[in-house]
Structures are given as C-alpha cells and as structure tokens.
Amino acid sequence: MKALVCVKRVIDYNVKPRVKSDGTGVDLANVKMSMNPFDEIAVEEALRLREKGVVTEVVVLSVGPAKAAETLRTALAMGADRAVLVQVDDGTEVEPLAVAKIVKAVAEEEAPGLIITGKQAIDDDSNQVGQMVAALMGRPQGTFANEISVEGDAVIVKREVDGGLETVKLRLPAIVTTDLRLNEPRYASLPNIMKAKSKPLAIKAPADYGVDVAPRLKTLKVSEPPVRQAGIKVADVDALVAKLKELGVPA
C-alpha cells in the first residue's frame, strides 16, 4: 500500500510572526521557515507504518513556492521515498479548497491506500484540507488521530474528541489527519540528509491538474492582537471583592 503525505512550509513554530507595517499580511523577510509540526507527525506516522510492513512507499506532497522544495527534502531526509511539489508563485496564498483539489488530482495519479495530513497548519489554522479531500474523493476520514493501526483492508483510528477518545474503523482507501499526541517525529541523520538530495522530487504546476488557485477570499487587513494588560495582585479576599466591584464585575 502506498501512503501519500501532505506537508506545508510555514513559519517555524519558535518564531514570533510580525505583521507588515501596512497591514497587508505577515512579514516573511528573513524569517526561519520549517515543516508544519502536524505534517511532520504525519510523515513520521507514514514511516512507522512502512517499517511495520503495512506501507510499501511513502510519497510526500506540498503545494507552495519553489522554496517549499526544502521542506520536501526534509521529509525525504526523514525517510520518505519521493516527493511532489506543485509550485505556485512566491507570495501566492493557496486556499484550502484549491489545495484539496490538487491533493485529489495527485491522489488519482498515485492511487495511495492512505492519505495522511496534519490536522491543521499553524500559519492559518484552517483545519480544512483533510476533510475537503475526503469529501471530494468520497472516501472515509479519521480526523485528529491519536493512534493509527491497519488491519486488513481497514484502518483503525483512535481520534481525539472533546469528551475524550473515539475509535473509528475506516475502509481503505481513506484519509487520516494527525493530532499532536500521535507520535514524536524523528530527527534526520546526516547520512539521510545527504541521501535526500538524490531522491526524486517532481515539480508540477496547478495547471497540470486543471486546478485554478486564484483566491476567492480577499484579506482586508492583518493586525497584531491587542496587548494583554498586566494583572493586579491583591492582599486578600476582601481586597479582591472590592477590586471586582470597582471594575464593575457583576456579582
């Protein structure tokens, strides 16, 4: 069985994003970029399934600018077999529906038994692509996966829900989105980083799949969240009650 894993190039999670002075978006100049953490978990899970003999090939896919090839090389260094980059112009924001349509088209070419994505990207937090791919392809989906196992022609997904954990059994082929506690991604070793440079990386364009990536939404303004005010320490309960009354907090 082949596994198709979707990855996205985002601002590194250790970096605090800066808003452009004109409010048109986030400033990416000289900012460290890396693989979306949830997608890194997705790559790791596909590799573990391959090590168990369940998956025979791991293909990673990204939709983004030319520099997204670096993110794909990271996935290849982790152990993925080959990569596909659907390249768009630098600065072009591809909306989740367009990404889902591209994933669907690539999946129809690759015929994977399992499509694995991170549950969301940390730059826009849309949490939409996995669900949209499942809807477009008419395939079962297991979102927010906490544990994944394959049994015959089905995948068992233990997923995180508000009330705890829910276990679903999905007939393959299926789509799974990964949550934070699924696994801990491995570090790429130096020999694997060197090997990744020679692994196949195909460059495609959205037009190759007949997908229009023109945005349907327009961002009017991007602004920093309001600065949180400092807290106030009080000596005792009486002082706390008096302060709440002063602030007009209802009893």
Protein backbone atom coordinates (compact mmCIF):
# COMPACT_ATOMS: atom_id res chain seq x y z
CA MET A 1 0.00 0.00 0.00
CA LYS A 2 1.22 3.47 -0.85
CA ALA A 3 0.89 6.41 1.55
CA LEU A 4 0.56 10.00 0.32
CA VAL A 5 1.54 12.58 2.95
CA CYS A 6 0.78 16.29 2.60
CA VAL A 7 3.24 18.80 4.08
CA LYS A 8 3.30 22.59 4.22
CA ARG A 9 6.09 25.14 4.59
CA VAL A 10 5.24 27.55 7.42
CA ILE A 11 6.95 29.99 9.76
CA ASP A 12 8.92 27.99 12.32
CA TYR A 13 6.90 27.46 15.49
CA ASN A 14 9.67 29.05 17.60
CA VAL A 15 9.43 32.33 15.67
CA LYS A 16 7.01 35.09 16.65
CA PRO A 17 5.29 36.32 13.46
CA ARG A 18 5.50 40.02 12.61
CA VAL A 19 2.77 41.94 10.80
CA LYS A 20 3.81 44.17 7.90
CA SER A 21 3.70 47.89 8.64
CA ASP A 22 0.99 48.43 6.00
CA GLY A 23 -1.21 45.68 7.48
CA THR A 24 -1.32 43.65 4.26
CA GLY A 25 -0.04 40.41 5.78
CA VAL A 26 2.67 38.69 7.79
CA ASP A 27 6.27 39.73 7.17
CA LEU A 28 8.24 36.72 5.91
CA ALA A 29 11.50 38.56 5.15
CA ASN A 30 14.49 36.82 6.78
CA VAL A 31 12.15 34.60 8.82
CA LYS A 32 13.04 30.98 9.52
CA MET A 33 10.64 28.58 7.79
CA SER A 34 10.13 24.89 8.51
CA MET A 35 7.71 22.00 8.07
CA ASN A 36 4.33 22.40 9.72
CA PRO A 37 4.63 20.43 13.01
CA PHE A 38 1.41 18.47 12.47
CA ASP A 39 2.62 17.48 8.98
CA GLU A 40 5.92 16.33 10.47
CA ILE A 41 3.88 13.99 12.68
CA ALA A 42 2.05 12.76 9.57
CA VAL A 43 5.36 11.96 7.84
CA GLU A 44 6.60 10.12 10.92
CA GLU A 45 3.44 8.02 11.13
CA ALA A 46 3.69 7.03 7.46
CA LEU A 47 7.31 5.99 8.01
CA ARG A 48 6.34 3.89 11.04
CA LEU A 49 3.64 2.16 9.01
CA ARG A 50 6.26 1.41 6.35
CA GLU A 51 8.59 -0.02 9.00
CA LYS A 52 5.75 -2.30 10.12
CA GLY A 53 5.40 -3.56 6.55
CA VAL A 54 1.93 -2.06 6.14
CA VAL A 55 3.03 0.68 3.72
CA THR A 56 5.40 -0.02 0.84
CA GLU A 57 6.10 3.54 -0.36
CA VAL A 58 5.81 7.00 1.21
CA VAL A 59 5.22 9.91 -1.17
CA VAL A 60 5.22 13.47 0.20
CA LEU A 61 3.32 16.30 -1.48
CA SER A 62 3.48 20.05 -0.99
CA VAL A 63 1.70 22.99 -2.63
CA GLY A 64 3.72 26.17 -2.37
CA PRO A 65 6.59 28.31 -3.72
CA ALA A 66 9.89 26.96 -5.04
CA LYS A 67 11.41 27.15 -1.53
CA ALA A 68 8.90 24.52 -0.38
CA ALA A 69 11.30 22.04 -2.03
CA GLU A 70 13.47 22.48 1.08
CA THR A 71 10.57 21.28 3.24
CA LEU A 72 10.11 18.27 0.98
CA ARG A 73 13.83 17.49 1.21
CA THR A 74 13.42 17.47 4.99
CA ALA A 75 10.66 14.86 4.65
CA LEU A 76 12.88 12.85 2.29
CA ALA A 77 15.71 13.05 4.82
CA MET A 78 13.36 11.67 7.46
CA GLY A 79 12.88 8.65 5.20
CA ALA A 80 10.18 9.36 2.61
CA ASP A 81 10.78 7.71 -0.77
CA ARG A 82 9.96 10.55 -3.18
CA ALA A 83 8.29 13.93 -3.35
CA VAL A 84 5.98 16.04 -5.50
CA LEU A 85 5.96 19.84 -5.40
CA VAL A 86 3.03 21.63 -7.00
CA GLN A 87 4.69 25.00 -7.40
CA VAL A 88 2.92 28.35 -7.21
CA ASP A 89 4.29 31.89 -7.44
CA ASP A 90 6.04 33.19 -4.34
CA GLY A 91 3.58 35.18 -2.23
CA THR A 92 0.52 33.39 -3.64
CA GLU A 93 -1.81 32.22 -0.89
CA VAL A 94 -3.44 28.97 -1.97
CA GLU A 95 -6.77 28.49 -0.21
CA PRO A 96 -7.67 25.12 1.39
CA LEU A 97 -10.20 24.17 -1.30
CA ALA A 98 -7.63 24.64 -4.07
CA VAL A 99 -5.09 22.59 -2.09
CA ALA A 100 -7.69 19.85 -1.59
CA LYS A 101 -8.41 19.75 -5.32
CA ILE A 102 -4.69 19.40 -6.07
CA VAL A 103 -4.32 16.64 -3.46
CA LYS A 104 -7.29 14.85 -5.04
CA ALA A 105 -5.71 15.09 -8.51
CA VAL A 106 -2.33 13.83 -7.29
CA ALA A 107 -4.03 11.02 -5.38
CA GLU A 108 -5.85 9.92 -8.53
CA GLU A 109 -2.43 9.65 -10.22
CA GLU A 110 -0.64 7.95 -7.33
CA ALA A 111 -3.55 5.74 -6.13
CA PRO A 112 -2.49 5.69 -2.44
CA GLY A 113 -4.30 3.45 0.02
CA LEU A 114 -3.84 6.06 2.73
CA ILE A 115 -3.65 9.86 2.59
CA ILE A 116 -2.20 11.38 5.77
CA THR A 117 -2.15 15.09 6.57
CA GLY A 118 -1.60 17.20 9.67
CA LYS A 119 -4.89 18.22 11.24
CA GLN A 120 -4.10 21.89 10.55
CA ALA A 121 -1.31 24.26 9.58
CA ILE A 122 -0.03 26.59 12.29
CA ASP A 123 0.01 29.63 9.99
CA ASP A 124 -3.71 29.86 9.16
CA ASP A 125 -5.19 27.17 11.47
CA SER A 126 -7.81 26.41 8.82
CA ASN A 127 -8.16 22.68 9.64
CA GLN A 128 -9.94 22.06 6.32
CA VAL A 129 -7.77 20.27 3.74
CA GLY A 130 -8.09 16.71 5.07
CA GLN A 131 -11.86 16.94 5.38
CA MET A 132 -12.22 18.56 1.95
CA VAL A 133 -10.10 15.87 0.29
CA ALA A 134 -12.30 13.18 1.87
CA ALA A 135 -15.44 14.94 0.63
CA LEU A 136 -14.10 15.49 -2.90
CA MET A 137 -12.95 11.88 -3.22
CA GLY A 138 -15.89 10.31 -1.41
CA ARG A 139 -13.56 8.49 0.98
CA PRO A 140 -13.90 7.83 4.73
CA GLN A 141 -11.95 10.08 7.06
CA GLY A 142 -10.46 9.82 10.54
CA THR A 143 -9.55 13.26 11.87
CA PHE A 144 -7.44 14.27 14.90
CA ALA A 145 -5.77 10.85 15.06
CA ASN A 146 -4.24 9.87 18.39
CA GLU A 147 -3.42 6.31 17.29
CA ILE A 148 -3.42 4.56 13.88
CA SER A 149 -3.31 0.87 13.04
CA VAL A 150 -4.09 -1.01 9.84
CA GLU A 151 -5.99 -4.31 9.94
CA GLY A 152 -6.53 -5.97 6.57
CA ASP A 153 -8.48 -3.65 4.31
CA ALA A 154 -9.33 -1.20 7.11
CA VAL A 155 -7.56 1.41 9.20
CA ILE A 156 -8.42 1.80 12.88
CA VAL A 157 -8.15 5.41 14.06
CA LYS A 158 -8.38 6.44 17.69
CA ARG A 159 -9.25 10.12 17.45
CA GLU A 160 -9.31 12.96 19.96
CA VAL A 161 -12.72 14.49 20.63
CA ASP A 162 -13.97 16.98 23.24
CA GLY A 163 -15.16 14.23 25.56
CA GLY A 164 -12.04 12.05 25.33
CA LEU A 165 -11.19 9.49 22.63
CA GLU A 166 -13.31 7.95 19.89
CA THR A 167 -12.30 4.90 17.84
CA VAL A 168 -13.44 4.57 14.22
CA LYS A 169 -12.84 1.83 11.67
CA LEU A 170 -12.43 3.07 8.09
CA ARG A 171 -12.43 1.01 4.93
CA LEU A 172 -9.33 1.67 2.81
CA PRO A 173 -8.58 3.82 0.87
CA ALA A 174 -9.07 6.51 3.50
CA ILE A 175 -7.90 9.93 4.70
CA VAL A 176 -6.40 10.49 8.17
CA THR A 177 -5.40 13.78 9.82
CA THR A 178 -2.88 13.65 12.66
CA ASP A 179 -3.05 15.25 16.09
CA LEU A 180 -0.21 16.33 18.36
CA ARG A 181 -0.05 13.24 20.59
CA LEU A 182 0.12 10.64 17.80
CA ASN A 183 3.92 10.33 17.85
CA GLU A 184 7.23 12.14 18.24
CA PRO A 185 8.90 12.77 14.86
CA ARG A 186 12.44 11.51 14.34
CA TYR A 187 15.45 13.67 13.58
CA ALA A 188 17.02 13.28 10.15
CA SER A 189 20.54 11.88 10.38
CA LEU A 190 23.39 13.42 8.38
CA PRO A 191 23.70 10.39 6.03
CA ASN A 192 19.95 10.55 5.33
CA ILE A 193 20.16 14.30 4.68
CA MET A 194 22.84 13.59 2.06
CA LYS A 195 20.77 10.76 0.53
CA ALA A 196 17.71 13.02 0.34
CA LYS A 197 19.48 15.24 -2.20
CA SER A 198 19.36 12.44 -4.77
CA LYS A 199 15.82 11.23 -4.09
CA PRO A 200 13.20 12.01 -6.78
CA LEU A 201 11.39 15.34 -6.45
CA ALA A 202 8.92 16.08 -9.23
CA ILE A 203 7.98 19.71 -9.94
CA LYS A 204 4.43 20.28 -11.16
CA ALA A 205 2.08 23.23 -11.64
CA PRO A 206 -1.59 23.60 -10.65
CA ALA A 207 -2.43 23.86 -14.34
CA ASP A 208 -1.08 20.32 -14.84
CA TYR A 209 -4.02 19.14 -12.76
CA GLY A 210 -6.54 21.64 -14.12
CA VAL A 211 -6.85 23.46 -10.78
CA ASP A 212 -7.39 27.22 -10.53
CA VAL A 213 -5.60 28.57 -7.45
CA ALA A 214 -6.87 32.15 -7.80
CA PRO A 215 -8.07 33.25 -4.34
CA ARG A 216 -11.78 33.56 -3.72
CA LEU A 217 -11.30 35.46 -0.48
CA LYS A 218 -9.67 38.85 -0.02
CA THR A 219 -7.73 39.76 3.11
CA LEU A 220 -8.72 43.28 4.04
CA LYS A 221 -6.31 43.81 6.92
CA VAL A 222 -3.91 41.94 9.18
CA SER A 223 -3.21 43.35 12.65
CA GLU A 224 -1.46 42.35 15.85
CA PRO A 225 -3.68 41.05 18.68
CA PRO A 226 -4.30 43.61 21.45
CA VAL A 227 -1.59 43.74 24.09
CA ARG A 228 -2.66 41.95 27.24
CA GLN A 229 -2.75 44.24 30.26
CA ALA A 230 -0.72 43.36 33.32
CA GLY A 231 -2.51 41.67 36.21
CA ILE A 232 -3.07 43.15 39.67
CA LYS A 233 -2.11 41.47 42.93
CA VAL A 234 -4.42 41.82 45.91
CA ALA A 235 -3.70 41.13 49.57
CA ASP A 236 -6.78 39.11 50.50
CA VAL A 237 -10.33 38.13 49.55
CA ASP A 238 -11.81 41.40 50.79
CA ALA A 239 -9.44 43.36 48.56
CA LEU A 240 -10.34 41.07 45.64
CA VAL A 241 -14.07 41.68 46.13
CA ALA A 242 -13.51 45.43 46.42
CA LYS A 243 -11.44 45.44 43.21
CA LEU A 244 -14.09 43.46 41.31
CA LYS A 245 -16.75 45.94 42.43
CA GLU A 246 -14.51 48.81 41.35
CA LEU A 247 -14.17 47.26 37.90
CA GLY A 248 -17.91 46.80 37.66
CA VAL A 249 -17.82 43.00 37.51
CA PRO A 250 -21.36 41.70 38.23
CA ALA A 251 -21.80 39.53 41.31
